[in-house]
Amino acid sequence: MQVHARSSRTVALFAAALALLCWSMGPAAAADAPKAAIHTVAIDGTSFQPAALTVKVGDSVVWVNKDPFPHTVTSTPGGFDSHEIAPGKSWQYTAAKKGEFAYVCAFHPTMKATLKVE
């Protein structure tokens, strides 16, 4: 009987310690977690501004078309394609994997830029 009481007490102490650990890490971990950022690229004057952008995995990029005609944001190695972005409209992409991604406007291939994801 004494062994059973001791092991019940050990389990109870372990559970209490685990609960305390989880509780103490919860708010601090949430406060210390990096927040995803939102970056903006203007499509203006038949160019992407900025032409090179570095973001982190999980960050979002919003391309805003300020030109009076449509554009696309099309990754040349693949990975993302906005399709047509009408004048005054925008398109958002969330970076899912690391790498360097060149992209162009499919309608205006001289418009080139790079998205680097760290």
PDB file of N, CA and C in Angstrom:
ATOM      1  N   MET A   1       0.810  -1.177   0.000  1.00  0.00           N
ATOM      2  CA  MET A   1       0.000   0.000   0.000  1.00  0.00           C
ATOM      3  C   MET A   1       0.869   1.262   0.000  1.00  0.00           C
ATOM      4  N   GLN A   2       1.982   1.228   0.705  1.00  0.00           N
ATOM      5  CA  GLN A   2       2.839   2.384   0.803  1.00  0.00           C
ATOM      6  C   GLN A   2       3.470   2.711  -0.562  1.00  0.00           C
ATOM      7  N   VAL A   3       3.813   1.687  -1.376  1.00  0.00           N
ATOM      8  CA  VAL A   3       4.393   1.901  -2.706  1.00  0.00           C
ATOM      9  C   VAL A   3       3.372   2.572  -3.607  1.00  0.00           C
ATOM     10  N   HIS A   4       2.106   2.145  -3.544  1.00  0.00           N
ATOM     11  CA  HIS A   4       1.046   2.722  -4.367  1.00  0.00           C
ATOM     12  C   HIS A   4       0.840   4.199  -4.018  1.00  0.00           C
ATOM     13  N   ALA A   5       0.851   4.540  -2.740  1.00  0.00           N
ATOM     14  CA  ALA A   5       0.671   5.926  -2.316  1.00  0.00           C
ATOM     15  C   ALA A   5       1.836   6.782  -2.797  1.00  0.00           C
ATOM     16  N   ARG A   6       3.043   6.248  -2.721  1.00  0.00           N
ATOM     17  CA  ARG A   6       4.211   6.991  -3.163  1.00  0.00           C
ATOM     18  C   ARG A   6       4.164   7.232  -4.674  1.00  0.00           C
ATOM     19  N   SER A   7       3.790   6.243  -5.471  1.00  0.00           N
ATOM     20  CA  SER A   7       3.744   6.428  -6.921  1.00  0.00           C
ATOM     21  C   SER A   7       2.598   7.358  -7.313  1.00  0.00           C
ATOM     22  N   SER A   8       1.490   7.357  -6.588  1.00  0.00           N
ATOM     23  CA  SER A   8       0.400   8.298  -6.860  1.00  0.00           C
ATOM     24  C   SER A   8       0.854   9.719  -6.582  1.00  0.00           C
ATOM     25  N   ARG A   9       1.590   9.894  -5.484  1.00  0.00           N
ATOM     26  CA  ARG A   9       2.113  11.209  -5.135  1.00  0.00           C
ATOM     27  C   ARG A   9       3.119  11.681  -6.191  1.00  0.00           C
ATOM     28  N   THR A  10       3.972  10.786  -6.673  1.00  0.00           N
ATOM     29  CA  THR A  10       4.952  11.124  -7.702  1.00  0.00           C
ATOM     30  C   THR A  10       4.253  11.562  -8.985  1.00  0.00           C
ATOM     31  N   VAL A  11       3.228  10.824  -9.381  1.00  0.00           N
ATOM     32  CA  VAL A  11       2.472  11.181 -10.587  1.00  0.00           C
ATOM     33  C   VAL A  11       1.811  12.536 -10.403  1.00  0.00           C
ATOM     34  N   ALA A  12       1.236  12.792  -9.243  1.00  0.00           N
ATOM     35  CA  ALA A  12       0.573  14.071  -8.977  1.00  0.00           C
ATOM     36  C   ALA A  12       1.570  15.221  -9.016  1.00  0.00           C
ATOM     37  N   LEU A  13       2.751  15.022  -8.419  1.00  0.00           N
ATOM     38  CA  LEU A  13       3.775  16.062  -8.451  1.00  0.00           C
ATOM     39  C   LEU A  13       4.279  16.313  -9.871  1.00  0.00           C
ATOM     40  N   PHE A  14       4.456  15.247 -10.617  1.00  0.00           N
ATOM     41  CA  PHE A  14       4.898  15.384 -12.005  1.00  0.00           C
ATOM     42  C   PHE A  14       3.855  16.149 -12.823  1.00  0.00           C
ATOM     43  N   ALA A  15       2.590  15.821 -12.663  1.00  0.00           N
ATOM     44  CA  ALA A  15       1.517  16.497 -13.389  1.00  0.00           C
ATOM     45  C   ALA A  15       1.457  17.978 -13.024  1.00  0.00           C
ATOM     46  N   ALA A  16       1.625  18.277 -11.745  1.00  0.00           N
ATOM     47  CA  ALA A  16       1.608  19.674 -11.295  1.00  0.00           C
ATOM     48  C   ALA A  16       2.789  20.443 -11.880  1.00  0.00           C
ATOM     49  N   ALA A  17       3.955  19.823 -11.873  1.00  0.00           N
ATOM     50  CA  ALA A  17       5.140  20.476 -12.427  1.00  0.00           C
ATOM     51  C   ALA A  17       4.982  20.712 -13.929  1.00  0.00           C
ATOM     52  N   LEU A  18       4.435  19.738 -14.621  1.00  0.00           N
ATOM     53  CA  LEU A  18       4.212  19.874 -16.058  1.00  0.00           C
ATOM     54  C   LEU A  18       3.204  20.981 -16.343  1.00  0.00           C
ATOM     55  N   ALA A  19       2.130  21.038 -15.587  1.00  0.00           N
ATOM     56  CA  ALA A  19       1.123  22.090 -15.757  1.00  0.00           C
ATOM     57  C   ALA A  19       1.725  23.464 -15.512  1.00  0.00           C
ATOM     58  N   LEU A  20       2.544  23.597 -14.472  1.00  0.00           N
ATOM     59  CA  LEU A  20       3.197  24.861 -14.163  1.00  0.00           C
ATOM     60  C   LEU A  20       4.147  25.267 -15.288  1.00  0.00           C
ATOM     61  N   LEU A  21       4.899  24.320 -15.807  1.00  0.00           N
ATOM     62  CA  LEU A  21       5.817  24.596 -16.904  1.00  0.00           C
ATOM     63  C   LEU A  21       5.061  25.074 -18.135  1.00  0.00           C
ATOM     64  N   CYS A  22       4.000  24.384 -18.504  1.00  0.00           N
ATOM     65  CA  CYS A  22       3.200  24.777 -19.673  1.00  0.00           C
ATOM     66  C   CYS A  22       2.596  26.157 -19.476  1.00  0.00           C
ATOM     67  N   TRP A  23       2.075  26.423 -18.292  1.00  0.00           N
ATOM     68  CA  TRP A  23       1.466  27.713 -18.018  1.00  0.00           C
ATOM     69  C   TRP A  23       2.494  28.836 -18.097  1.00  0.00           C
ATOM     70  N   SER A  24       3.669  28.592 -17.550  1.00  0.00           N
ATOM     71  CA  SER A  24       4.681  29.638 -17.521  1.00  0.00           C
ATOM     72  C   SER A  24       5.264  29.908 -18.906  1.00  0.00           C
ATOM     73  N   MET A  25       5.287  28.929 -19.777  1.00  0.00           N
ATOM     74  CA  MET A  25       5.838  29.118 -21.120  1.00  0.00           C
ATOM     75  C   MET A  25       4.817  29.716 -22.068  1.00  0.00           C
ATOM     76  N   GLY A  26       3.558  29.472 -21.853  1.00  0.00           N
ATOM     77  CA  GLY A  26       2.516  29.908 -22.775  1.00  0.00           C
ATOM     78  C   GLY A  26       2.562  31.378 -23.114  1.00  0.00           C
ATOM     79  N   PRO A  27       2.322  32.294 -22.178  1.00  0.00           N
ATOM     80  CA  PRO A  27       2.312  33.711 -22.500  1.00  0.00           C
ATOM     81  C   PRO A  27       3.667  34.222 -22.972  1.00  0.00           C
ATOM     82  N   ALA A  28       4.751  33.755 -22.367  1.00  0.00           N
ATOM     83  CA  ALA A  28       6.081  34.221 -22.757  1.00  0.00           C
ATOM     84  C   ALA A  28       6.415  33.765 -24.164  1.00  0.00           C
ATOM     85  N   ALA A  29       6.091  32.527 -24.483  1.00  0.00           N
ATOM     86  CA  ALA A  29       6.384  32.015 -25.822  1.00  0.00           C
ATOM     87  C   ALA A  29       5.603  32.791 -26.857  1.00  0.00           C
ATOM     88  N   ALA A  30       4.366  33.114 -26.574  1.00  0.00           N
ATOM     89  CA  ALA A  30       3.554  33.873 -27.521  1.00  0.00           C
ATOM     90  C   ALA A  30       4.101  35.279 -27.688  1.00  0.00           C
ATOM     91  N   ALA A  31       4.569  35.885 -26.610  1.00  0.00           N
ATOM     92  CA  ALA A  31       5.088  37.243 -26.686  1.00  0.00           C
ATOM     93  C   ALA A  31       6.411  37.281 -27.430  1.00  0.00           C
ATOM     94  N   ASP A  32       7.221  36.218 -27.307  1.00  0.00           N
ATOM     95  CA  ASP A  32       8.527  36.190 -27.947  1.00  0.00           C
ATOM     96  C   ASP A  32       8.483  35.675 -29.376  1.00  0.00           C
ATOM     97  N   ALA A  33       7.374  35.097 -29.813  1.00  0.00           N
ATOM     98  CA  ALA A  33       7.275  34.537 -31.151  1.00  0.00           C
ATOM     99  C   ALA A  33       7.357  35.665 -32.186  1.00  0.00           C
ATOM    100  N   PRO A  34       8.162  35.466 -33.226  1.00  0.00           N
ATOM    101  CA  PRO A  34       8.259  36.506 -34.242  1.00  0.00           C
ATOM    102  C   PRO A  34       6.928  36.662 -34.971  1.00  0.00           C
ATOM    103  N   LYS A  35       6.585  37.892 -35.243  1.00  0.00           N
ATOM    104  CA  LYS A  35       5.337  38.180 -35.925  1.00  0.00           C
ATOM    105  C   LYS A  35       5.601  38.252 -37.426  1.00  0.00           C
ATOM    106  N   ALA A  36       4.688  37.703 -38.203  1.00  0.00           N
ATOM    107  CA  ALA A  36       4.810  37.772 -39.657  1.00  0.00           C
ATOM    108  C   ALA A  36       4.599  39.217 -40.090  1.00  0.00           C
ATOM    109  N   ALA A  37       5.409  39.662 -41.014  1.00  0.00           N
ATOM    110  CA  ALA A  37       5.323  41.029 -41.511  1.00  0.00           C
ATOM    111  C   ALA A  37       4.590  41.054 -42.850  1.00  0.00           C
ATOM    112  N   ILE A  38       4.083  42.221 -43.185  1.00  0.00           N
ATOM    113  CA  ILE A  38       3.467  42.438 -44.492  1.00  0.00           C
ATOM    114  C   ILE A  38       4.294  43.500 -45.204  1.00  0.00           C
ATOM    115  N   HIS A  39       4.778  43.169 -46.392  1.00  0.00           N
ATOM    116  CA  HIS A  39       5.608  44.064 -47.196  1.00  0.00           C
ATOM    117  C   HIS A  39       4.798  44.496 -48.417  1.00  0.00           C
ATOM    118  N   THR A  40       5.059  45.694 -48.912  1.00  0.00           N
ATOM    119  CA  THR A  40       4.334  46.196 -50.075  1.00  0.00           C
ATOM    120  C   THR A  40       5.307  46.483 -51.212  1.00  0.00           C
ATOM    121  N   VAL A  41       4.924  46.025 -52.399  1.00  0.00           N
ATOM    122  CA  VAL A  41       5.665  46.342 -53.621  1.00  0.00           C
ATOM    123  C   VAL A  41       4.697  47.126 -54.502  1.00  0.00           C
ATOM    124  N   ALA A  42       5.109  48.325 -54.902  1.00  0.00           N
ATOM    125  CA  ALA A  42       4.292  49.129 -55.805  1.00  0.00           C
ATOM    126  C   ALA A  42       4.619  48.751 -57.243  1.00  0.00           C
ATOM    127  N   ILE A  43       3.581  48.618 -58.038  1.00  0.00           N
ATOM    128  CA  ILE A  43       3.752  48.449 -59.483  1.00  0.00           C
ATOM    129  C   ILE A  43       3.389  49.808 -60.064  1.00  0.00           C
ATOM    130  N   ASP A  44       4.416  50.542 -60.470  1.00  0.00           N
ATOM    131  CA  ASP A  44       4.216  51.934 -60.872  1.00  0.00           C
ATOM    132  C   ASP A  44       5.243  52.300 -61.934  1.00  0.00           C
ATOM    133  N   GLY A  45       4.793  52.980 -62.975  1.00  0.00           N
ATOM    134  CA  GLY A  45       5.719  53.380 -64.029  1.00  0.00           C
ATOM    135  C   GLY A  45       6.327  52.189 -64.741  1.00  0.00           C
ATOM    136  N   THR A  46       5.552  51.136 -64.882  1.00  0.00           N
ATOM    137  CA  THR A  46       5.981  49.888 -65.517  1.00  0.00           C
ATOM    138  C   THR A  46       7.238  49.327 -64.849  1.00  0.00           C
ATOM    139  N   SER A  47       7.229  49.340 -63.515  1.00  0.00           N
ATOM    140  CA  SER A  47       8.327  48.737 -62.761  1.00  0.00           C
ATOM    141  C   SER A  47       7.813  48.275 -61.396  1.00  0.00           C
ATOM    142  N   PHE A  48       8.571  47.345 -60.803  1.00  0.00           N
ATOM    143  CA  PHE A  48       8.295  46.887 -59.454  1.00  0.00           C
ATOM    144  C   PHE A  48       9.183  47.695 -58.506  1.00  0.00           C
ATOM    145  N   GLN A  49       8.579  48.283 -57.470  1.00  0.00           N
ATOM    146  CA  GLN A  49       9.332  49.116 -56.537  1.00  0.00           C
ATOM    147  C   GLN A  49       9.080  48.656 -55.113  1.00  0.00           C
ATOM    148  N   PRO A  50      10.045  48.059 -54.440  1.00  0.00           N
ATOM    149  CA  PRO A  50      11.435  47.871 -54.838  1.00  0.00           C
ATOM    150  C   PRO A  50      11.596  46.679 -55.789  1.00  0.00           C
ATOM    151  N   ALA A  51      12.687  46.714 -56.539  1.00  0.00           N
ATOM    152  CA  ALA A  51      12.964  45.637 -57.496  1.00  0.00           C
ATOM    153  C   ALA A  51      13.557  44.411 -56.813  1.00  0.00           C
ATOM    154  N   ALA A  52      14.061  44.568 -55.611  1.00  0.00           N
ATOM    155  CA  ALA A  52      14.585  43.443 -54.822  1.00  0.00           C
ATOM    156  C   ALA A  52      14.046  43.583 -53.404  1.00  0.00           C
ATOM    157  N   LEU A  53      13.491  42.494 -52.893  1.00  0.00           N
ATOM    158  CA  LEU A  53      12.894  42.503 -51.562  1.00  0.00           C
ATOM    159  C   LEU A  53      13.281  41.221 -50.842  1.00  0.00           C
ATOM    160  N   THR A  54      13.693  41.342 -49.574  1.00  0.00           N
ATOM    161  CA  THR A  54      14.025  40.184 -48.747  1.00  0.00           C
ATOM    162  C   THR A  54      13.002  40.094 -47.622  1.00  0.00           C
ATOM    163  N   VAL A  55      12.404  38.907 -47.474  1.00  0.00           N
ATOM    164  CA  VAL A  55      11.399  38.664 -46.442  1.00  0.00           C
ATOM    165  C   VAL A  55      11.737  37.360 -45.731  1.00  0.00           C
ATOM    166  N   LYS A  56      10.981  37.058 -44.691  1.00  0.00           N
ATOM    167  CA  LYS A  56      11.152  35.803 -43.968  1.00  0.00           C
ATOM    168  C   LYS A  56       9.994  34.865 -44.306  1.00  0.00           C
ATOM    169  N   VAL A  57      10.225  33.566 -44.166  1.00  0.00           N
ATOM    170  CA  VAL A  57       9.157  32.590 -44.364  1.00  0.00           C
ATOM    171  C   VAL A  57       8.000  32.974 -43.451  1.00  0.00           C
ATOM    172  N   GLY A  58       6.799  32.998 -43.981  1.00  0.00           N
ATOM    173  CA  GLY A  58       5.613  33.383 -43.221  1.00  0.00           C
ATOM    174  C   GLY A  58       5.195  34.824 -43.437  1.00  0.00           C
ATOM    175  N   ASP A  59       6.123  35.658 -43.922  1.00  0.00           N
ATOM    176  CA  ASP A  59       5.775  37.045 -44.242  1.00  0.00           C
ATOM    177  C   ASP A  59       4.903  37.083 -45.487  1.00  0.00           C
ATOM    178  N   SER A  60       4.138  38.142 -45.625  1.00  0.00           N
ATOM    179  CA  SER A  60       3.312  38.338 -46.820  1.00  0.00           C
ATOM    180  C   SER A  60       3.832  39.521 -47.613  1.00  0.00           C
ATOM    181  N   VAL A  61       3.636  39.455 -48.914  1.00  0.00           N
ATOM    182  CA  VAL A  61       3.985  40.549 -49.808  1.00  0.00           C
ATOM    183  C   VAL A  61       2.718  40.924 -50.559  1.00  0.00           C
ATOM    184  N   VAL A  62       2.437  42.221 -50.606  1.00  0.00           N
ATOM    185  CA  VAL A  62       1.283  42.727 -51.341  1.00  0.00           C
ATOM    186  C   VAL A  62       1.807  43.584 -52.483  1.00  0.00           C
ATOM    187  N   TRP A  63       1.441  43.225 -53.702  1.00  0.00           N
ATOM    188  CA  TRP A  63       1.775  44.011 -54.879  1.00  0.00           C
ATOM    189  C   TRP A  63       0.561  44.876 -55.197  1.00  0.00           C
ATOM    190  N   VAL A  64       0.773  46.181 -55.307  1.00  0.00           N
ATOM    191  CA  VAL A  64      -0.305  47.129 -55.574  1.00  0.00           C
ATOM    192  C   VAL A  64      -0.068  47.739 -56.955  1.00  0.00           C
ATOM    193  N   ASN A  65      -1.046  47.564 -57.849  1.00  0.00           N
ATOM    194  CA  ASN A  65      -0.920  48.079 -59.216  1.00  0.00           C
ATOM    195  C   ASN A  65      -1.386  49.536 -59.266  1.00  0.00           C
ATOM    196  N   LYS A  66      -0.421  50.442 -59.404  1.00  0.00           N
ATOM    197  CA  LYS A  66      -0.714  51.872 -59.486  1.00  0.00           C
ATOM    198  C   LYS A  66      -0.711  52.371 -60.928  1.00  0.00           C
ATOM    199  N   ASP A  67      -0.443  51.476 -61.873  1.00  0.00           N
ATOM    200  CA  ASP A  67      -0.457  51.851 -63.292  1.00  0.00           C
ATOM    201  C   ASP A  67      -1.889  51.831 -63.831  1.00  0.00           C
ATOM    202  N   PRO A  68      -2.117  52.487 -64.975  1.00  0.00           N
ATOM    203  CA  PRO A  68      -3.469  52.521 -65.552  1.00  0.00           C
ATOM    204  C   PRO A  68      -3.802  51.299 -66.422  1.00  0.00           C
ATOM    205  N   PHE A  69      -2.960  50.264 -66.350  1.00  0.00           N
ATOM    206  CA  PHE A  69      -3.193  49.047 -67.141  1.00  0.00           C
ATOM    207  C   PHE A  69      -2.796  47.831 -66.308  1.00  0.00           C
ATOM    208  N   PRO A  70      -3.260  46.635 -66.680  1.00  0.00           N
ATOM    209  CA  PRO A  70      -3.002  45.438 -65.859  1.00  0.00           C
ATOM    210  C   PRO A  70      -1.556  44.961 -65.920  1.00  0.00           C
ATOM    211  N   HIS A  71      -1.185  44.229 -64.862  1.00  0.00           N
ATOM    212  CA  HIS A  71       0.130  43.595 -64.757  1.00  0.00           C
ATOM    213  C   HIS A  71      -0.048  42.226 -64.112  1.00  0.00           C
ATOM    214  N   THR A  72       1.035  41.439 -64.108  1.00  0.00           N
ATOM    215  CA  THR A  72       1.069  40.191 -63.346  1.00  0.00           C
ATOM    216  C   THR A  72       2.328  40.180 -62.490  1.00  0.00           C
ATOM    217  N   VAL A  73       2.345  39.283 -61.525  1.00  0.00           N
ATOM    218  CA  VAL A  73       3.530  38.980 -60.725  1.00  0.00           C
ATOM    219  C   VAL A  73       3.731  37.488 -60.914  1.00  0.00           C
ATOM    220  N   THR A  74       4.653  37.136 -61.816  1.00  0.00           N
ATOM    221  CA  THR A  74       4.814  35.748 -62.223  1.00  0.00           C
ATOM    222  C   THR A  74       6.244  35.290 -61.966  1.00  0.00           C
ATOM    223  N   SER A  75       6.406  34.352 -61.058  1.00  0.00           N
ATOM    224  CA  SER A  75       7.718  33.815 -60.733  1.00  0.00           C
ATOM    225  C   SER A  75       8.232  33.004 -61.915  1.00  0.00           C
ATOM    226  N   THR A  76       9.417  33.341 -62.409  1.00  0.00           N
ATOM    227  CA  THR A  76       9.952  32.646 -63.585  1.00  0.00           C
ATOM    228  C   THR A  76      10.335  31.200 -63.304  1.00  0.00           C
ATOM    229  N   PRO A  77      10.837  30.844 -62.088  1.00  0.00           N
ATOM    230  CA  PRO A  77      11.074  29.417 -61.840  1.00  0.00           C
ATOM    231  C   PRO A  77       9.810  28.691 -61.382  1.00  0.00           C
ATOM    232  N   GLY A  78       8.702  29.401 -61.297  1.00  0.00           N
ATOM    233  CA  GLY A  78       7.464  28.809 -60.779  1.00  0.00           C
ATOM    234  C   GLY A  78       7.333  29.107 -59.297  1.00  0.00           C
ATOM    235  N   GLY A  79       6.213  28.778 -58.742  1.00  0.00           N
ATOM    236  CA  GLY A  79       6.018  28.997 -57.316  1.00  0.00           C
ATOM    237  C   GLY A  79       4.896  29.958 -57.017  1.00  0.00           C
ATOM    238  N   PHE A  80       4.776  31.029 -57.790  1.00  0.00           N
ATOM    239  CA  PHE A  80       3.642  31.927 -57.594  1.00  0.00           C
ATOM    240  C   PHE A  80       3.321  32.657 -58.891  1.00  0.00           C
ATOM    241  N   ASP A  81       2.047  32.974 -59.036  1.00  0.00           N
ATOM    242  CA  ASP A  81       1.554  33.709 -60.203  1.00  0.00           C
ATOM    243  C   ASP A  81       0.262  34.414 -59.812  1.00  0.00           C
ATOM    244  N   SER A  82       0.284  35.712 -59.912  1.00  0.00           N
ATOM    245  CA  SER A  82      -0.882  36.502 -59.520  1.00  0.00           C
ATOM    246  C   SER A  82      -1.997  36.450 -60.561  1.00  0.00           C
ATOM    247  N   HIS A  83      -1.656  36.087 -61.779  1.00  0.00           N
ATOM    248  CA  HIS A  83      -2.545  36.285 -62.924  1.00  0.00           C
ATOM    249  C   HIS A  83      -2.768  37.790 -63.048  1.00  0.00           C
ATOM    250  N   GLU A  84      -3.770  38.226 -63.730  1.00  0.00           N
ATOM    251  CA  GLU A  84      -3.943  39.661 -63.999  1.00  0.00           C
ATOM    252  C   GLU A  84      -4.317  40.442 -62.740  1.00  0.00           C
ATOM    253  N   ILE A  85      -3.553  41.516 -62.500  1.00  0.00           N
ATOM    254  CA  ILE A  85      -3.883  42.467 -61.428  1.00  0.00           C
ATOM    255  C   ILE A  85      -4.365  43.734 -62.132  1.00  0.00           C
ATOM    256  N   ALA A  86      -5.624  44.032 -62.002  1.00  0.00           N
ATOM    257  CA  ALA A  86      -6.218  45.195 -62.673  1.00  0.00           C
ATOM    258  C   ALA A  86      -5.688  46.497 -62.066  1.00  0.00           C
ATOM    259  N   PRO A  87      -5.778  47.592 -62.809  1.00  0.00           N
ATOM    260  CA  PRO A  87      -5.362  48.889 -62.262  1.00  0.00           C
ATOM    261  C   PRO A  87      -6.104  49.190 -60.948  1.00  0.00           C
ATOM    262  N   GLY A  88      -5.357  49.670 -59.960  1.00  0.00           N
ATOM    263  CA  GLY A  88      -5.941  50.007 -58.672  1.00  0.00           C
ATOM    264  C   GLY A  88      -6.179  48.814 -57.758  1.00  0.00           C
ATOM    265  N   LYS A  89      -5.868  47.611 -58.208  1.00  0.00           N
ATOM    266  CA  LYS A  89      -6.071  46.398 -57.405  1.00  0.00           C
ATOM    267  C   LYS A  89      -4.733  45.909 -56.872  1.00  0.00           C
ATOM    268  N   SER A  90      -4.806  44.874 -56.010  1.00  0.00           N
ATOM    269  CA  SER A  90      -3.582  44.322 -55.428  1.00  0.00           C
ATOM    270  C   SER A  90      -3.681  42.801 -55.377  1.00  0.00           C
ATOM    271  N   TRP A  91      -2.535  42.189 -55.099  1.00  0.00           N
ATOM    272  CA  TRP A  91      -2.454  40.738 -54.940  1.00  0.00           C
ATOM    273  C   TRP A  91      -1.488  40.442 -53.812  1.00  0.00           C
ATOM    274  N   GLN A  92      -1.839  39.478 -52.967  1.00  0.00           N
ATOM    275  CA  GLN A  92      -1.017  39.135 -51.801  1.00  0.00           C
ATOM    276  C   GLN A  92      -0.524  37.706 -51.898  1.00  0.00           C
ATOM    277  N   TYR A  93       0.738  37.520 -51.502  1.00  0.00           N
ATOM    278  CA  TYR A  93       1.384  36.205 -51.492  1.00  0.00           C
ATOM    279  C   TYR A  93       2.066  36.034 -50.145  1.00  0.00           C
ATOM    280  N   THR A  94       1.909  34.865 -49.534  1.00  0.00           N
ATOM    281  CA  THR A  94       2.608  34.550 -48.287  1.00  0.00           C
ATOM    282  C   THR A  94       3.762  33.610 -48.595  1.00  0.00           C
ATOM    283  N   ALA A  95       4.970  34.031 -48.235  1.00  0.00           N
ATOM    284  CA  ALA A  95       6.180  33.264 -48.527  1.00  0.00           C
ATOM    285  C   ALA A  95       6.180  31.967 -47.729  1.00  0.00           C
ATOM    286  N   ALA A  96       6.217  30.854 -48.444  1.00  0.00           N
ATOM    287  CA  ALA A  96       6.113  29.544 -47.792  1.00  0.00           C
ATOM    288  C   ALA A  96       7.441  28.802 -47.694  1.00  0.00           C
ATOM    289  N   LYS A  97       8.384  29.113 -48.590  1.00  0.00           N
ATOM    290  CA  LYS A  97       9.655  28.387 -48.536  1.00  0.00           C
ATOM    291  C   LYS A  97      10.807  29.319 -48.863  1.00  0.00           C
ATOM    292  N   LYS A  98      11.979  28.958 -48.325  1.00  0.00           N
ATOM    293  CA  LYS A  98      13.181  29.753 -48.530  1.00  0.00           C
ATOM    294  C   LYS A  98      13.648  29.646 -49.981  1.00  0.00           C
ATOM    295  N   GLY A  99      14.286  30.711 -50.431  1.00  0.00           N
ATOM    296  CA  GLY A  99      14.852  30.702 -51.769  1.00  0.00           C
ATOM    297  C   GLY A  99      14.862  32.094 -52.354  1.00  0.00           C
ATOM    298  N   GLU A 100      15.388  32.178 -53.548  1.00  0.00           N
ATOM    299  CA  GLU A 100      15.409  33.441 -54.279  1.00  0.00           C
ATOM    300  C   GLU A 100      14.571  33.245 -55.532  1.00  0.00           C
ATOM    301  N   PHE A 101      13.560  34.089 -55.695  1.00  0.00           N
ATOM    302  CA  PHE A 101      12.577  33.916 -56.755  1.00  0.00           C
ATOM    303  C   PHE A 101      12.544  35.147 -57.659  1.00  0.00           C
ATOM    304  N   ALA A 102      13.039  34.973 -58.872  1.00  0.00           N
ATOM    305  CA  ALA A 102      12.930  36.035 -59.865  1.00  0.00           C
ATOM    306  C   ALA A 102      11.494  36.039 -60.358  1.00  0.00           C
ATOM    307  N   TYR A 103      10.977  37.228 -60.634  1.00  0.00           N
ATOM    308  CA  TYR A 103       9.629  37.303 -61.190  1.00  0.00           C
ATOM    309  C   TYR A 103       9.536  38.432 -62.205  1.00  0.00           C
ATOM    310  N   VAL A 104       8.534  38.342 -63.049  1.00  0.00           N
ATOM    311  CA  VAL A 104       8.312  39.306 -64.123  1.00  0.00           C
ATOM    312  C   VAL A 104       6.820  39.597 -64.220  1.00  0.00           C
ATOM    313  N   CYS A 105       6.502  40.587 -65.049  1.00  0.00           N
ATOM    314  CA  CYS A 105       5.125  40.801 -65.471  1.00  0.00           C
ATOM    315  C   CYS A 105       4.976  40.050 -66.791  1.00  0.00           C
ATOM    316  N   ALA A 106       4.026  39.131 -66.853  1.00  0.00           N
ATOM    317  CA  ALA A 106       3.836  38.335 -68.076  1.00  0.00           C
ATOM    318  C   ALA A 106       3.444  39.205 -69.262  1.00  0.00           C
ATOM    319  N   PHE A 107       2.807  40.345 -69.007  1.00  0.00           N
ATOM    320  CA  PHE A 107       2.399  41.252 -70.085  1.00  0.00           C
ATOM    321  C   PHE A 107       3.535  42.172 -70.524  1.00  0.00           C
ATOM    322  N   HIS A 108       4.464  42.430 -69.618  1.00  0.00           N
ATOM    323  CA  HIS A 108       5.580  43.352 -69.872  1.00  0.00           C
ATOM    324  C   HIS A 108       6.868  42.694 -69.371  1.00  0.00           C
ATOM    325  N   PRO A 109       7.449  41.763 -70.142  1.00  0.00           N
ATOM    326  CA  PRO A 109       8.598  40.968 -69.675  1.00  0.00           C
ATOM    327  C   PRO A 109       9.850  41.762 -69.297  1.00  0.00           C
ATOM    328  N   THR A 110       9.899  43.034 -69.665  1.00  0.00           N
ATOM    329  CA  THR A 110      11.051  43.837 -69.250  1.00  0.00           C
ATOM    330  C   THR A 110      10.917  44.262 -67.776  1.00  0.00           C
ATOM    331  N   MET A 111       9.737  44.098 -67.212  1.00  0.00           N
ATOM    332  CA  MET A 111       9.544  44.377 -65.778  1.00  0.00           C
ATOM    333  C   MET A 111      10.039  43.159 -65.005  1.00  0.00           C
ATOM    334  N   LYS A 112      11.152  43.330 -64.296  1.00  0.00           N
ATOM    335  CA  LYS A 112      11.766  42.206 -63.580  1.00  0.00           C
ATOM    336  C   LYS A 112      12.056  42.614 -62.140  1.00  0.00           C
ATOM    337  N   ALA A 113      11.984  41.632 -61.254  1.00  0.00           N
ATOM    338  CA  ALA A 113      12.314  41.876 -59.846  1.00  0.00           C
ATOM    339  C   ALA A 113      12.660  40.540 -59.191  1.00  0.00           C
ATOM    340  N   THR A 114      13.080  40.612 -57.919  1.00  0.00           N
ATOM    341  CA  THR A 114      13.475  39.416 -57.182  1.00  0.00           C
ATOM    342  C   THR A 114      12.891  39.452 -55.774  1.00  0.00           C
ATOM    343  N   LEU A 115      12.363  38.306 -55.360  1.00  0.00           N
ATOM    344  CA  LEU A 115      11.896  38.118 -53.992  1.00  0.00           C
ATOM    345  C   LEU A 115      12.805  37.079 -53.345  1.00  0.00           C
ATOM    346  N   LYS A 116      13.508  37.494 -52.288  1.00  0.00           N
ATOM    347  CA  LYS A 116      14.374  36.568 -51.543  1.00  0.00           C
ATOM    348  C   LYS A 116      13.675  36.221 -50.226  1.00  0.00           C
ATOM    349  N   VAL A 117      13.524  34.926 -49.968  1.00  0.00           N
ATOM    350  CA  VAL A 117      12.853  34.471 -48.750  1.00  0.00           C
ATOM    351  C   VAL A 117      13.889  33.762 -47.866  1.00  0.00           C
ATOM    352  N   GLU A 118      14.065  34.276 -46.654  1.00  0.00           N
ATOM    353  CA  GLU A 118      15.044  33.705 -45.704  1.00  0.00           C
ATOM    354  C   GLU A 118      14.339  32.840 -44.676  1.00  0.00           C
TER     355      GLU A 118
END
